[in-house]
PDB file of N, CA and C in Angstrom:
ATOM      1  N   MET A   1       0.841  -1.400   0.293  1.00  0.00           N
ATOM      2  CA  MET A   1      -0.310  -0.146   0.246  1.00  0.00           C
ATOM      3  C   MET A   1       1.025   1.325  -0.052  1.00  0.00           C
ATOM      4  N   ILE A   2       1.583   1.247   0.563  1.00  0.00           N
ATOM      5  CA  ILE A   2       2.867   2.547   0.976  1.00  0.00           C
ATOM      6  C   ILE A   2       3.318   2.653  -0.405  1.00  0.00           C
ATOM      7  N   GLU A   3       3.897   1.585  -1.144  1.00  0.00           N
ATOM      8  CA  GLU A   3       4.949   1.707  -2.443  1.00  0.00           C
ATOM      9  C   GLU A   3       3.691   2.602  -3.496  1.00  0.00           C
ATOM     10  N   LEU A   4       1.897   2.188  -3.113  1.00  0.00           N
ATOM     11  CA  LEU A   4       1.583   2.523  -4.256  1.00  0.00           C
ATOM     12  C   LEU A   4       1.319   4.006  -4.169  1.00  0.00           C
ATOM     13  N   LEU A   5       1.221   4.104  -3.062  1.00  0.00           N
ATOM     14  CA  LEU A   5       1.104   6.069  -2.556  1.00  0.00           C
ATOM     15  C   LEU A   5       2.425   6.501  -2.587  1.00  0.00           C
ATOM     16  N   ALA A   6       3.579   5.974  -2.734  1.00  0.00           N
ATOM     17  CA  ALA A   6       4.958   6.981  -3.080  1.00  0.00           C
ATOM     18  C   ALA A   6       5.192   6.562  -4.473  1.00  0.00           C
ATOM     19  N   ASP A   7       4.502   6.180  -5.303  1.00  0.00           N
ATOM     20  CA  ASP A   7       4.767   5.786  -7.036  1.00  0.00           C
ATOM     21  C   ASP A   7       5.050   7.294  -7.644  1.00  0.00           C
ATOM     22  N   ASN A   8       6.169   7.573  -8.233  1.00  0.00           N
ATOM     23  CA  ASN A   8       6.275   8.798  -9.173  1.00  0.00           C
ATOM     24  C   ASN A   8       5.372   8.657 -10.519  1.00  0.00           C
ATOM     25  N   ASN A   9       4.347   9.444 -10.673  1.00  0.00           N
ATOM     26  CA  ASN A   9       3.524   9.107 -11.405  1.00  0.00           C
ATOM     27  C   ASN A   9       3.210  11.272 -11.844  1.00  0.00           C
ATOM     28  N   PHE A  10       4.464  11.373 -11.962  1.00  0.00           N
ATOM     29  CA  PHE A  10       4.334  12.681 -13.049  1.00  0.00           C
ATOM     30  C   PHE A  10       5.017  13.144 -14.455  1.00  0.00           C
ATOM     31  N   GLY A  11       5.379  11.903 -14.593  1.00  0.00           N
ATOM     32  CA  GLY A  11       5.448  12.105 -16.021  1.00  0.00           C
ATOM     33  C   GLY A  11       6.826  12.520 -16.430  1.00  0.00           C
ATOM     34  N   ASP A  12       8.001  12.253 -15.693  1.00  0.00           N
ATOM     35  CA  ASP A  12       9.243  12.679 -15.875  1.00  0.00           C
ATOM     36  C   ASP A  12       9.848  11.287 -15.777  1.00  0.00           C
ATOM     37  N   THR A  13       9.841  10.186 -15.797  1.00  0.00           N
ATOM     38  CA  THR A  13      10.497   9.270 -15.848  1.00  0.00           C
ATOM     39  C   THR A  13      10.797   8.746 -17.144  1.00  0.00           C
ATOM     40  N   ARG A  14      10.427   9.374 -17.995  1.00  0.00           N
ATOM     41  CA  ARG A  14      10.371   9.005 -19.694  1.00  0.00           C
ATOM     42  C   ARG A  14      12.470   9.451 -19.770  1.00  0.00           C
ATOM     43  N   PRO A  15      13.077   8.203 -20.665  1.00  0.00           N
ATOM     44  CA  PRO A  15      14.602   8.504 -20.768  1.00  0.00           C
ATOM     45  C   PRO A  15      14.512   9.437 -21.847  1.00  0.00           C
ATOM     46  N   ASN A  16      15.794  10.095 -21.757  1.00  0.00           N
ATOM     47  CA  ASN A  16      15.925  10.920 -23.115  1.00  0.00           C
ATOM     48  C   ASN A  16      14.879  12.119 -22.801  1.00  0.00           C
ATOM     49  N   ALA A  17      14.318  12.492 -21.832  1.00  0.00           N
ATOM     50  CA  ALA A  17      13.241  13.675 -22.219  1.00  0.00           C
ATOM     51  C   ALA A  17      13.958  15.006 -21.836  1.00  0.00           C
ATOM     52  N   LEU A  18      13.455  15.826 -22.978  1.00  0.00           N
ATOM     53  CA  LEU A  18      13.963  16.989 -23.026  1.00  0.00           C
ATOM     54  C   LEU A  18      13.270  18.505 -22.625  1.00  0.00           C
ATOM     55  N   ALA A  19      12.007  18.038 -21.926  1.00  0.00           N
ATOM     56  CA  ALA A  19      11.409  19.399 -21.748  1.00  0.00           C
ATOM     57  C   ALA A  19      11.437  20.400 -21.085  1.00  0.00           C
ATOM     58  N   GLY A  20      12.447  20.131 -19.883  1.00  0.00           N
ATOM     59  CA  GLY A  20      13.296  21.076 -18.509  1.00  0.00           C
ATOM     60  C   GLY A  20      13.746  22.018 -19.295  1.00  0.00           C
ATOM     61  N   PRO A  21      14.565  20.920 -19.937  1.00  0.00           N
ATOM     62  CA  PRO A  21      15.509  22.214 -20.835  1.00  0.00           C
ATOM     63  C   PRO A  21      15.159  23.074 -22.064  1.00  0.00           C
ATOM     64  N   THR A  22      14.077  22.353 -23.055  1.00  0.00           N
ATOM     65  CA  THR A  22      13.757  23.285 -24.152  1.00  0.00           C
ATOM     66  C   THR A  22      13.065  24.070 -23.514  1.00  0.00           C
ATOM     67  N   GLY A  23      12.138  23.908 -22.112  1.00  0.00           N
ATOM     68  CA  GLY A  23      11.374  25.402 -21.744  1.00  0.00           C
ATOM     69  C   GLY A  23      12.090  26.414 -21.319  1.00  0.00           C
ATOM     70  N   LEU A  24      13.395  25.439 -20.888  1.00  0.00           N
ATOM     71  CA  LEU A  24      14.412  26.972 -20.453  1.00  0.00           C
ATOM     72  C   LEU A  24      14.686  27.776 -21.172  1.00  0.00           C
ATOM     73  N   VAL A  25      14.886  27.186 -22.054  1.00  0.00           N
ATOM     74  CA  VAL A  25      15.434  27.891 -23.707  1.00  0.00           C
ATOM     75  C   VAL A  25      14.899  28.936 -24.239  1.00  0.00           C
ATOM     76  N   ILE A  26      13.568  28.133 -24.122  1.00  0.00           N
ATOM     77  CA  ILE A  26      12.247  29.410 -24.725  1.00  0.00           C
ATOM     78  C   ILE A  26      11.676  30.361 -23.952  1.00  0.00           C
ATOM     79  N   ILE A  27      11.799  30.068 -22.296  1.00  0.00           N
ATOM     80  CA  ILE A  27      11.838  31.382 -21.583  1.00  0.00           C
ATOM     81  C   ILE A  27      12.792  32.261 -21.867  1.00  0.00           C
ATOM     82  N   LEU A  28      14.287  32.086 -21.949  1.00  0.00           N
ATOM     83  CA  LEU A  28      15.045  33.101 -21.924  1.00  0.00           C
ATOM     84  C   LEU A  28      15.211  33.482 -23.299  1.00  0.00           C
ATOM     85  N   LEU A  29      14.558  32.542 -24.408  1.00  0.00           N
ATOM     86  CA  LEU A  29      14.651  33.262 -25.860  1.00  0.00           C
ATOM     87  C   LEU A  29      13.548  34.240 -25.652  1.00  0.00           C
ATOM     88  N   LEU A  30      12.696  34.317 -24.772  1.00  0.00           N
ATOM     89  CA  LEU A  30      11.533  35.208 -24.773  1.00  0.00           C
ATOM     90  C   LEU A  30      11.580  36.799 -23.551  1.00  0.00           C
ATOM     91  N   VAL A  31      12.718  36.189 -22.956  1.00  0.00           N
ATOM     92  CA  VAL A  31      13.110  37.188 -21.914  1.00  0.00           C
ATOM     93  C   VAL A  31      14.033  37.952 -22.767  1.00  0.00           C
ATOM     94  N   ALA A  32      15.514  37.576 -23.435  1.00  0.00           N
ATOM     95  CA  ALA A  32      15.871  38.474 -24.423  1.00  0.00           C
ATOM     96  C   ALA A  32      15.171  39.151 -25.518  1.00  0.00           C
ATOM     97  N   ALA A  33      13.937  38.749 -25.860  1.00  0.00           N
ATOM     98  CA  ALA A  33      13.442  39.660 -27.048  1.00  0.00           C
ATOM     99  C   ALA A  33      12.719  40.409 -26.302  1.00  0.00           C
ATOM    100  N   THR A  34      12.080  40.513 -25.199  1.00  0.00           N
ATOM    101  CA  THR A  34      11.576  41.705 -24.516  1.00  0.00           C
ATOM    102  C   THR A  34      12.316  42.364 -23.882  1.00  0.00           C
ATOM    103  N   ILE A  35      13.573  42.173 -23.906  1.00  0.00           N
ATOM    104  CA  ILE A  35      14.713  43.524 -23.363  1.00  0.00           C
ATOM    105  C   ILE A  35      15.188  44.264 -24.487  1.00  0.00           C
ATOM    106  N   PHE A  36      15.343  43.083 -25.334  1.00  0.00           N
ATOM    107  CA  PHE A  36      15.373  43.912 -27.105  1.00  0.00           C
ATOM    108  C   PHE A  36      14.475  45.079 -27.209  1.00  0.00           C
ATOM    109  N   LEU A  37      13.315  44.873 -27.380  1.00  0.00           N
ATOM    110  CA  LEU A  37      11.543  45.273 -27.358  1.00  0.00           C
ATOM    111  C   LEU A  37      11.769  46.323 -26.697  1.00  0.00           C
ATOM    112  N   ILE A  38      11.954  46.828 -25.349  1.00  0.00           N
ATOM    113  CA  ILE A  38      12.133  47.600 -24.854  1.00  0.00           C
ATOM    114  C   ILE A  38      13.040  48.483 -24.621  1.00  0.00           C
ATOM    115  N   ARG A  39      14.366  47.873 -25.052  1.00  0.00           N
ATOM    116  CA  ARG A  39      15.354  49.182 -25.186  1.00  0.00           C
ATOM    117  C   ARG A  39      15.038  50.055 -26.386  1.00  0.00           C
ATOM    118  N   ASN A  40      14.516  49.347 -27.336  1.00  0.00           N
ATOM    119  CA  ASN A  40      14.133  50.075 -28.852  1.00  0.00           C
ATOM    120  C   ASN A  40      13.238  51.152 -28.806  1.00  0.00           C
ATOM    121  N   MET A  41      12.056  50.422 -27.834  1.00  0.00           N
ATOM    122  CA  MET A  41      10.874  51.602 -27.578  1.00  0.00           C
ATOM    123  C   MET A  41      11.660  52.775 -26.992  1.00  0.00           C
ATOM    124  N   ASN A  42      12.162  52.436 -25.897  1.00  0.00           N
ATOM    125  CA  ASN A  42      13.106  53.483 -25.082  1.00  0.00           C
ATOM    126  C   ASN A  42      13.759  54.180 -25.928  1.00  0.00           C
ATOM    127  N   LYS A  43      14.425  54.002 -26.983  1.00  0.00           N
ATOM    128  CA  LYS A  43      15.256  54.765 -27.288  1.00  0.00           C
ATOM    129  C   LYS A  43      14.328  55.380 -28.691  1.00  0.00           C
ATOM    130  N   ARG A  44      13.324  54.761 -29.078  1.00  0.00           N
ATOM    131  CA  ARG A  44      12.278  55.836 -29.906  1.00  0.00           C
ATOM    132  C   ARG A  44      11.606  56.971 -29.511  1.00  0.00           C
ATOM    133  N   LEU A  45      11.144  56.278 -27.849  1.00  0.00           N
ATOM    134  CA  LEU A  45      10.832  57.947 -27.244  1.00  0.00           C
ATOM    135  C   LEU A  45      11.211  58.916 -27.157  1.00  0.00           C
ATOM    136  N   LYS A  46      12.852  58.541 -26.765  1.00  0.00           N
ATOM    137  CA  LYS A  46      13.914  59.725 -26.732  1.00  0.00           C
ATOM    138  C   LYS A  46      14.151  60.413 -27.701  1.00  0.00           C
ATOM    139  N   ARG A  47      13.470  60.262 -29.184  1.00  0.00           N
ATOM    140  CA  ARG A  47      13.756  60.976 -30.272  1.00  0.00           C
ATOM    141  C   ARG A  47      12.596  61.967 -30.491  1.00  0.00           C
ATOM    142  N   LEU A  48      11.407  61.197 -29.944  1.00  0.00           N
ATOM    143  CA  LEU A  48      10.194  62.632 -30.482  1.00  0.00           C
ATOM    144  C   LEU A  48      10.434  63.671 -29.860  1.00  0.00           C
ATOM    145  N   PRO A  49      10.098  64.600 -30.502  1.00  0.00           N
ATOM    146  CA  PRO A  49       9.930  65.849 -29.426  1.00  0.00           C
ATOM    147  C   PRO A  49       9.271  65.971 -28.391  1.00  0.00           C
ATOM    148  N   GLU A  50       9.090  67.043 -27.912  1.00  0.00           N
ATOM    149  CA  GLU A  50       8.562  67.139 -27.017  1.00  0.00           C
ATOM    150  C   GLU A  50       6.963  67.947 -26.898  1.00  0.00           C
ATOM    151  N   SER A  51       6.725  68.648 -28.210  1.00  0.00           N
ATOM    152  CA  SER A  51       5.297  68.471 -28.626  1.00  0.00           C
ATOM    153  C   SER A  51       5.331  68.926 -30.453  1.00  0.00           C
ATOM    154  N   PHE A  52       4.403  68.265 -30.675  1.00  0.00           N
ATOM    155  CA  PHE A  52       4.435  68.292 -32.611  1.00  0.00           C
ATOM    156  C   PHE A  52       3.750  69.933 -33.168  1.00  0.00           C
ATOM    157  N   PRO A  53       4.658  70.284 -34.321  1.00  0.00           N
ATOM    158  CA  PRO A  53       4.028  71.433 -34.785  1.00  0.00           C
ATOM    159  C   PRO A  53       2.494  71.334 -35.080  1.00  0.00           C
ATOM    160  N   ASN A  54       2.027  72.234 -35.301  1.00  0.00           N
ATOM    161  CA  ASN A  54       0.498  72.322 -36.119  1.00  0.00           C
ATOM    162  C   ASN A  54      -0.665  71.331 -34.916  1.00  0.00           C
ATOM    163  N   GLN A  55      -0.308  71.335 -33.709  1.00  0.00           N
ATOM    164  CA  GLN A  55      -0.704  70.153 -32.700  1.00  0.00           C
ATOM    165  C   GLN A  55      -1.469  71.341 -31.830  1.00  0.00           C
ATOM    166  N   GLN A  56      -3.061  71.821 -31.917  1.00  0.00           N
ATOM    167  CA  GLN A  56      -3.818  72.458 -30.693  1.00  0.00           C
ATOM    168  C   GLN A  56      -4.371  71.921 -30.069  1.00  0.00           C
ATOM    169  N   VAL A  57      -4.331  72.111 -28.721  1.00  0.00           N
ATOM    170  CA  VAL A  57      -5.204  71.839 -27.464  1.00  0.00           C
ATOM    171  C   VAL A  57      -6.426  71.790 -28.068  1.00  0.00           C
ATOM    172  N   PRO A  58      -7.241  70.484 -27.919  1.00  0.00           N
ATOM    173  CA  PRO A  58      -8.723  71.191 -28.054  1.00  0.00           C
ATOM    174  C   PRO A  58      -9.253  71.415 -26.965  1.00  0.00           C
ATOM    175  N   ALA A  59     -10.232  72.647 -27.078  1.00  0.00           N
ATOM    176  CA  ALA A  59     -10.782  73.423 -26.264  1.00  0.00           C
ATOM    177  C   ALA A  59     -11.943  72.464 -25.458  1.00  0.00           C
ATOM    178  N   MET A  60     -12.163  72.670 -24.507  1.00  0.00           N
ATOM    179  CA  MET A  60     -13.212  72.100 -23.590  1.00  0.00           C
ATOM    180  C   MET A  60     -14.428  72.471 -23.813  1.00  0.00           C
ATOM    181  N   ARG A  61     -15.452  71.403 -24.065  1.00  0.00           N
ATOM    182  CA  ARG A  61     -16.652  71.335 -23.989  1.00  0.00           C
ATOM    183  C   ARG A  61     -17.929  72.281 -22.672  1.00  0.00           C
ATOM    184  N   THR A  62     -18.317  73.641 -23.483  1.00  0.00           N
ATOM    185  CA  THR A  62     -19.197  74.276 -22.260  1.00  0.00           C
ATOM    186  C   THR A  62     -20.792  73.806 -22.422  1.00  0.00           C
ATOM    187  N   GLU A  63     -21.051  73.743 -21.281  1.00  0.00           N
ATOM    188  CA  GLU A  63     -22.827  73.117 -21.510  1.00  0.00           C
ATOM    189  C   GLU A  63     -23.462  74.178 -22.946  1.00  0.00           C
ATOM    190  N   ALA A  64     -23.066  75.034 -23.665  1.00  0.00           N
ATOM    191  CA  ALA A  64     -23.605  75.955 -24.606  1.00  0.00           C
ATOM    192  C   ALA A  64     -22.631  75.106 -26.050  1.00  0.00           C
ATOM    193  N   ASP A  65     -22.187  74.468 -25.926  1.00  0.00           N
ATOM    194  CA  ASP A  65     -21.377  73.751 -27.123  1.00  0.00           C
ATOM    195  C   ASP A  65     -22.214  72.668 -27.326  1.00  0.00           C
ATOM    196  N   ALA A  66     -22.356  71.919 -25.974  1.00  0.00           N
ATOM    197  CA  ALA A  66     -23.282  70.753 -26.045  1.00  0.00           C
ATOM    198  C   ALA A  66     -24.865  70.285 -27.083  1.00  0.00           C
ATOM    199  N   PRO A  67     -24.838  69.283 -27.656  1.00  0.00           N
ATOM    200  CA  PRO A  67     -26.385  69.162 -28.338  1.00  0.00           C
ATOM    201  C   PRO A  67     -27.165  69.440 -27.387  1.00  0.00           C
ATOM    202  N   GLU A  68     -28.523  69.420 -27.942  1.00  0.00           N
ATOM    203  CA  GLU A  68     -29.682  69.500 -26.851  1.00  0.00           C
ATOM    204  C   GLU A  68     -29.989  68.643 -26.535  1.00  0.00           C
ATOM    205  N   LYS A  69     -30.659  68.155 -25.647  1.00  0.00           N
ATOM    206  CA  LYS A  69     -30.919  66.887 -25.207  1.00  0.00           C
ATOM    207  C   LYS A  69     -32.754  66.930 -25.418  1.00  0.00           C
ATOM    208  N   THR A  70     -32.938  65.597 -25.996  1.00  0.00           N
ATOM    209  CA  THR A  70     -34.204  65.163 -26.063  1.00  0.00           C
ATOM    210  C   THR A  70     -34.457  64.256 -25.734  1.00  0.00           C
ATOM    211  N   ASP A  71     -36.047  64.001 -25.449  1.00  0.00           N
ATOM    212  CA  ASP A  71     -37.034  63.062 -24.800  1.00  0.00           C
ATOM    213  C   ASP A  71     -36.643  61.787 -25.341  1.00  0.00           C
ATOM    214  N   GLY A  72     -36.486  61.279 -26.585  1.00  0.00           N
ATOM    215  CA  GLY A  72     -35.795  60.254 -27.396  1.00  0.00           C
ATOM    216  C   GLY A  72     -37.173  60.019 -28.610  1.00  0.00           C
ATOM    217  N   ASP A  73     -38.136  60.959 -28.317  1.00  0.00           N
ATOM    218  CA  ASP A  73     -39.317  60.800 -29.413  1.00  0.00           C
ATOM    219  C   ASP A  73     -39.043  61.783 -30.275  1.00  0.00           C
ATOM    220  N   HIS A  74     -37.983  62.494 -30.023  1.00  0.00           N
ATOM    221  CA  HIS A  74     -37.660  63.248 -30.773  1.00  0.00           C
ATOM    222  C   HIS A  74     -37.527  63.618 -32.572  1.00  0.00           C
ATOM    223  N   ARG A  75     -38.161  63.795 -33.829  1.00  0.00           N
ATOM    224  CA  ARG A  75     -37.578  63.255 -34.908  1.00  0.00           C
ATOM    225  C   ARG A  75     -37.608  64.208 -35.856  1.00  0.00           C
ATOM    226  N   PRO A  76     -35.985  64.571 -36.369  1.00  0.00           N
ATOM    227  CA  PRO A  76     -35.748  65.840 -36.964  1.00  0.00           C
ATOM    228  C   PRO A  76     -36.657  66.114 -38.357  1.00  0.00           C
ATOM    229  N   GLU A  77     -37.032  67.369 -38.283  1.00  0.00           N
ATOM    230  CA  GLU A  77     -38.335  67.986 -39.467  1.00  0.00           C
ATOM    231  C   GLU A  77     -37.485  68.231 -40.688  1.00  0.00           C
ATOM    232  N   ARG A  78     -37.983  67.852 -41.797  1.00  0.00           N
ATOM    233  CA  ARG A  78     -37.536  68.250 -43.123  1.00  0.00           C
ATOM    234  C   ARG A  78     -38.006  69.458 -43.580  1.00  0.00           C
ATOM    235  N   GLU A  79     -36.856  70.022 -44.523  1.00  0.00           N
ATOM    236  CA  GLU A  79     -37.488  71.427 -44.901  1.00  0.00           C
ATOM    237  C   GLU A  79     -38.814  71.607 -45.571  1.00  0.00           C
ATOM    238  N   ASP A  80     -38.816  70.687 -46.183  1.00  0.00           N
ATOM    239  CA  ASP A  80     -40.145  70.842 -46.696  1.00  0.00           C
ATOM    240  C   ASP A  80     -41.603  70.581 -46.300  1.00  0.00           C
ATOM    241  N   GLY A  81     -41.188  70.054 -44.629  1.00  0.00           N
ATOM    242  CA  GLY A  81     -42.471  69.764 -43.568  1.00  0.00           C
ATOM    243  C   GLY A  81     -42.867  68.306 -43.925  1.00  0.00           C
ATOM    244  N   ALA A  82     -42.177  67.403 -44.600  1.00  0.00           N
ATOM    245  CA  ALA A  82     -42.704  66.154 -44.764  1.00  0.00           C
ATOM    246  C   ALA A  82     -42.391  65.622 -44.091  1.00  0.00           C
ATOM    247  N   GLU A  83     -43.027  64.329 -43.510  1.00  0.00           N
ATOM    248  CA  GLU A  83     -42.291  63.407 -42.637  1.00  0.00           C
ATOM    249  C   GLU A  83     -41.224  62.392 -42.984  1.00  0.00           C
ATOM    250  N   PRO A  84     -40.364  62.568 -42.025  1.00  0.00           N
ATOM    251  CA  PRO A  84     -39.078  61.653 -42.121  1.00  0.00           C
ATOM    252  C   PRO A  84     -39.256  60.465 -43.006  1.00  0.00           C
ATOM    253  N   GLY A  85     -38.776  59.999 -43.611  1.00  0.00           N
ATOM    254  CA  GLY A  85     -38.856  58.776 -44.364  1.00  0.00           C
ATOM    255  C   GLY A  85     -39.974  58.430 -45.452  1.00  0.00           C
ATOM    256  N   ALA A  86     -40.919  59.464 -45.814  1.00  0.00           N
ATOM    257  CA  ALA A  86     -42.197  59.028 -46.491  1.00  0.00           C
ATOM    258  C   ALA A  86     -41.515  59.672 -47.964  1.00  0.00           C
TER     259      ALA A  86
END
């Protein structure tokens, strides 16, 4: 009974198994790629100007600029007085 509980059943008993080293290589490659990407992004961000020419800051909207609120049943009128969709 005790031998059954102590049985190694984790799948790592196969001969010539390379799951551990292969996983380590993949993780190291991903870490290296991430480091190079971060360095590249930092270089590009440093080259950006403080502000771009011809860039205007949008003005804040006021209550007067906001569209009128309607009750939801409002339909826009046409210039010729006909019902919309007719």
